[in-house]
Amino acid sequence: MPFIFEGFAVWYNERMTCPKCGKELVPDALFCAFCGQAAPQVEPEDDRALTRPKTGRVIGGVAAGMSETFGIPVMWMRVLWVVLSIATVGLVAVLYLVLCFAIPEEK
């Protein structure tokens, strides 16, 4: 199973090979050292944009949208917002309100 790192594939328990000659490729190689064939490049599939979802929101959908974008549970994102709002005496709550207007709704 590949792990995406900066646009290149890093393989665990499996080695990348040249599609033309079958020789093993050096990690992050752009070309095969043996035949000159371009090495297959794996592009990240992560094209999530930060949006506020229409479902699953409590106040403005900022925490729900950020949790979807960053891949963490929405409960922990909401806890983080509350703790930071208390710790900064409400400044993060003001930031939340600004983000309600700055982050677009999903389509």
C-alpha atoms as a PDB file:
ATOM      1  CA  MET A   1       0.000   0.000   0.000  1.00  0.00           C
ATOM      2  CA  PRO A   2       1.528   3.360  -0.984  1.00  0.00           C
ATOM      3  CA  PHE A   3       2.007   6.279   1.355  1.00  0.00           C
ATOM      4  CA  ILE A   4       1.937   9.655  -0.389  1.00  0.00           C
ATOM      5  CA  PHE A   5       4.764  12.002   0.581  1.00  0.00           C
ATOM      6  CA  GLU A   6       5.361  15.223  -1.347  1.00  0.00           C
ATOM      7  CA  GLY A   7       3.872  13.751  -4.532  1.00  0.00           C
ATOM      8  CA  PHE A   8       6.029  10.641  -4.629  1.00  0.00           C
ATOM      9  CA  ALA A   9       5.185   7.087  -3.643  1.00  0.00           C
ATOM     10  CA  VAL A  10       7.047   5.516  -0.752  1.00  0.00           C
ATOM     11  CA  TRP A  11       6.269   1.831  -0.730  1.00  0.00           C
ATOM     12  CA  TYR A  12       6.199  -0.316   2.385  1.00  0.00           C
ATOM     13  CA  ASN A  13       6.925  -4.033   1.900  1.00  0.00           C
ATOM     14  CA  GLU A  14       6.910  -3.488  -1.845  1.00  0.00           C
ATOM     15  CA  ARG A  15       9.483  -1.907  -4.131  1.00  0.00           C
ATOM     16  CA  MET A  16       8.843   0.380  -7.095  1.00  0.00           C
ATOM     17  CA  THR A  17      10.029  -0.981 -10.404  1.00  0.00           C
ATOM     18  CA  CYS A  18      10.530   0.523 -13.833  1.00  0.00           C
ATOM     19  CA  PRO A  19       7.503  -0.084 -16.081  1.00  0.00           C
ATOM     20  CA  LYS A  20       9.789  -0.658 -19.086  1.00  0.00           C
ATOM     21  CA  CYS A  21      12.740  -2.779 -17.888  1.00  0.00           C
ATOM     22  CA  GLY A  22      11.446  -4.044 -14.527  1.00  0.00           C
ATOM     23  CA  LYS A  23      14.531  -2.964 -12.558  1.00  0.00           C
ATOM     24  CA  GLU A  24      14.118  -1.612  -9.041  1.00  0.00           C
ATOM     25  CA  LEU A  25      13.901   2.177  -8.836  1.00  0.00           C
ATOM     26  CA  VAL A  26      15.620   4.341  -6.268  1.00  0.00           C
ATOM     27  CA  PRO A  27      13.070   6.134  -4.035  1.00  0.00           C
ATOM     28  CA  ASP A  28      12.143   9.581  -5.430  1.00  0.00           C
ATOM     29  CA  ALA A  29      13.749   8.748  -8.810  1.00  0.00           C
ATOM     30  CA  LEU A  30      12.456  10.695 -11.774  1.00  0.00           C
ATOM     31  CA  PHE A  31      13.970   8.333 -14.374  1.00  0.00           C
ATOM     32  CA  CYS A  32      15.139   4.727 -14.424  1.00  0.00           C
ATOM     33  CA  ALA A  33      18.939   4.573 -14.065  1.00  0.00           C
ATOM     34  CA  PHE A  34      19.092   1.557 -16.411  1.00  0.00           C
ATOM     35  CA  CYS A  35      16.845   2.384 -19.371  1.00  0.00           C
ATOM     36  CA  GLY A  36      16.021   6.095 -18.936  1.00  0.00           C
ATOM     37  CA  GLN A  37      12.253   5.534 -18.806  1.00  0.00           C
ATOM     38  CA  ALA A  38      10.364   8.136 -16.762  1.00  0.00           C
ATOM     39  CA  ALA A  39       9.528   6.770 -13.322  1.00  0.00           C
ATOM     40  CA  PRO A  40       5.830   6.576 -12.456  1.00  0.00           C
ATOM     41  CA  GLN A  41       4.844   9.480 -10.237  1.00  0.00           C
ATOM     42  CA  VAL A  42       2.005   9.246  -7.757  1.00  0.00           C
ATOM     43  CA  GLU A  43       0.142  12.489  -7.273  1.00  0.00           C
ATOM     44  CA  PRO A  44      -1.588  13.123  -3.971  1.00  0.00           C
ATOM     45  CA  GLU A  45      -5.316  12.451  -4.117  1.00  0.00           C
ATOM     46  CA  ASP A  46      -5.983  14.969  -1.385  1.00  0.00           C
ATOM     47  CA  ASP A  47      -7.788  17.829  -3.097  1.00  0.00           C
ATOM     48  CA  ARG A  48     -10.124  18.714  -0.255  1.00  0.00           C
ATOM     49  CA  ALA A  49     -10.827  22.403   0.015  1.00  0.00           C
ATOM     50  CA  LEU A  50     -11.821  24.015   3.281  1.00  0.00           C
ATOM     51  CA  THR A  51     -15.582  24.514   3.149  1.00  0.00           C
ATOM     52  CA  ARG A  52     -18.396  24.646   5.672  1.00  0.00           C
ATOM     53  CA  PRO A  53     -20.666  21.616   5.231  1.00  0.00           C
ATOM     54  CA  LYS A  54     -24.419  22.054   5.019  1.00  0.00           C
ATOM     55  CA  THR A  55     -25.043  19.076   7.320  1.00  0.00           C
ATOM     56  CA  GLY A  56     -23.426  18.256  10.645  1.00  0.00           C
ATOM     57  CA  ARG A  57     -22.856  21.816  11.754  1.00  0.00           C
ATOM     58  CA  VAL A  58     -23.659  23.120  15.226  1.00  0.00           C
ATOM     59  CA  ILE A  59     -23.086  26.877  14.982  1.00  0.00           C
ATOM     60  CA  GLY A  60     -21.503  27.932  11.697  1.00  0.00           C
ATOM     61  CA  GLY A  61     -19.909  24.749  10.409  1.00  0.00           C
ATOM     62  CA  VAL A  62     -16.319  25.940  10.827  1.00  0.00           C
ATOM     63  CA  ALA A  63     -15.280  23.097  13.148  1.00  0.00           C
ATOM     64  CA  ALA A  64     -17.060  20.511  10.997  1.00  0.00           C
ATOM     65  CA  GLY A  65     -15.393  21.813   7.849  1.00  0.00           C
ATOM     66  CA  MET A  66     -11.954  21.930   9.438  1.00  0.00           C
ATOM     67  CA  SER A  67     -12.337  18.412  10.807  1.00  0.00           C
ATOM     68  CA  GLU A  68     -13.234  17.102   7.336  1.00  0.00           C
ATOM     69  CA  THR A  69     -10.322  18.935   5.735  1.00  0.00           C
ATOM     70  CA  PHE A  70      -7.698  17.877   8.272  1.00  0.00           C
ATOM     71  CA  GLY A  71      -9.099  14.378   8.823  1.00  0.00           C
ATOM     72  CA  ILE A  72      -9.672  14.495  12.570  1.00  0.00           C
ATOM     73  CA  PRO A  73     -12.887  13.715  14.475  1.00  0.00           C
ATOM     74  CA  VAL A  74     -15.265  16.656  14.657  1.00  0.00           C
ATOM     75  CA  MET A  75     -15.640  16.211  18.427  1.00  0.00           C
ATOM     76  CA  TRP A  76     -11.937  16.900  18.969  1.00  0.00           C
ATOM     77  CA  MET A  77     -12.045  19.930  16.682  1.00  0.00           C
ATOM     78  CA  ARG A  78     -14.962  21.362  18.649  1.00  0.00           C
ATOM     79  CA  VAL A  79     -13.193  20.676  21.963  1.00  0.00           C
ATOM     80  CA  LEU A  80     -10.106  22.444  20.607  1.00  0.00           C
ATOM     81  CA  TRP A  81     -12.153  25.504  19.621  1.00  0.00           C
ATOM     82  CA  VAL A  82     -13.796  25.685  23.061  1.00  0.00           C
ATOM     83  CA  VAL A  83     -10.518  25.243  24.969  1.00  0.00           C
ATOM     84  CA  LEU A  84      -8.752  27.845  22.838  1.00  0.00           C
ATOM     85  CA  SER A  85     -11.677  30.250  23.223  1.00  0.00           C
ATOM     86  CA  ILE A  86     -11.493  29.941  27.011  1.00  0.00           C
ATOM     87  CA  ALA A  87      -7.684  30.174  27.063  1.00  0.00           C
ATOM     88  CA  THR A  88      -7.624  33.325  24.919  1.00  0.00           C
ATOM     89  CA  VAL A  89     -10.538  34.968  26.716  1.00  0.00           C
ATOM     90  CA  GLY A  90     -12.766  34.880  23.660  1.00  0.00           C
ATOM     91  CA  LEU A  91     -10.340  35.956  20.936  1.00  0.00           C
ATOM     92  CA  VAL A  92     -10.599  32.567  19.217  1.00  0.00           C
ATOM     93  CA  ALA A  93     -14.393  32.841  19.410  1.00  0.00           C
ATOM     94  CA  VAL A  94     -14.134  36.085  17.434  1.00  0.00           C
ATOM     95  CA  LEU A  95     -11.882  34.267  14.942  1.00  0.00           C
ATOM     96  CA  TYR A  96     -14.571  31.574  14.656  1.00  0.00           C
ATOM     97  CA  LEU A  97     -17.157  34.190  13.733  1.00  0.00           C
ATOM     98  CA  VAL A  98     -14.803  35.710  11.145  1.00  0.00           C
ATOM     99  CA  LEU A  99     -14.220  32.260   9.656  1.00  0.00           C
ATOM    100  CA  CYS A 100     -17.990  31.724   9.417  1.00  0.00           C
ATOM    101  CA  PHE A 101     -18.022  34.480   6.813  1.00  0.00           C
ATOM    102  CA  ALA A 102     -14.614  33.786   5.239  1.00  0.00           C
ATOM    103  CA  ILE A 103     -14.967  30.033   4.607  1.00  0.00           C
ATOM    104  CA  PRO A 104     -17.398  29.263   1.787  1.00  0.00           C
ATOM    105  CA  GLU A 105     -20.261  26.787   2.139  1.00  0.00           C
ATOM    106  CA  GLU A 106     -19.953  23.511   0.286  1.00  0.00           C
ATOM    107  CA  LYS A 107     -21.952  23.242  -2.897  1.00  0.00           C
END
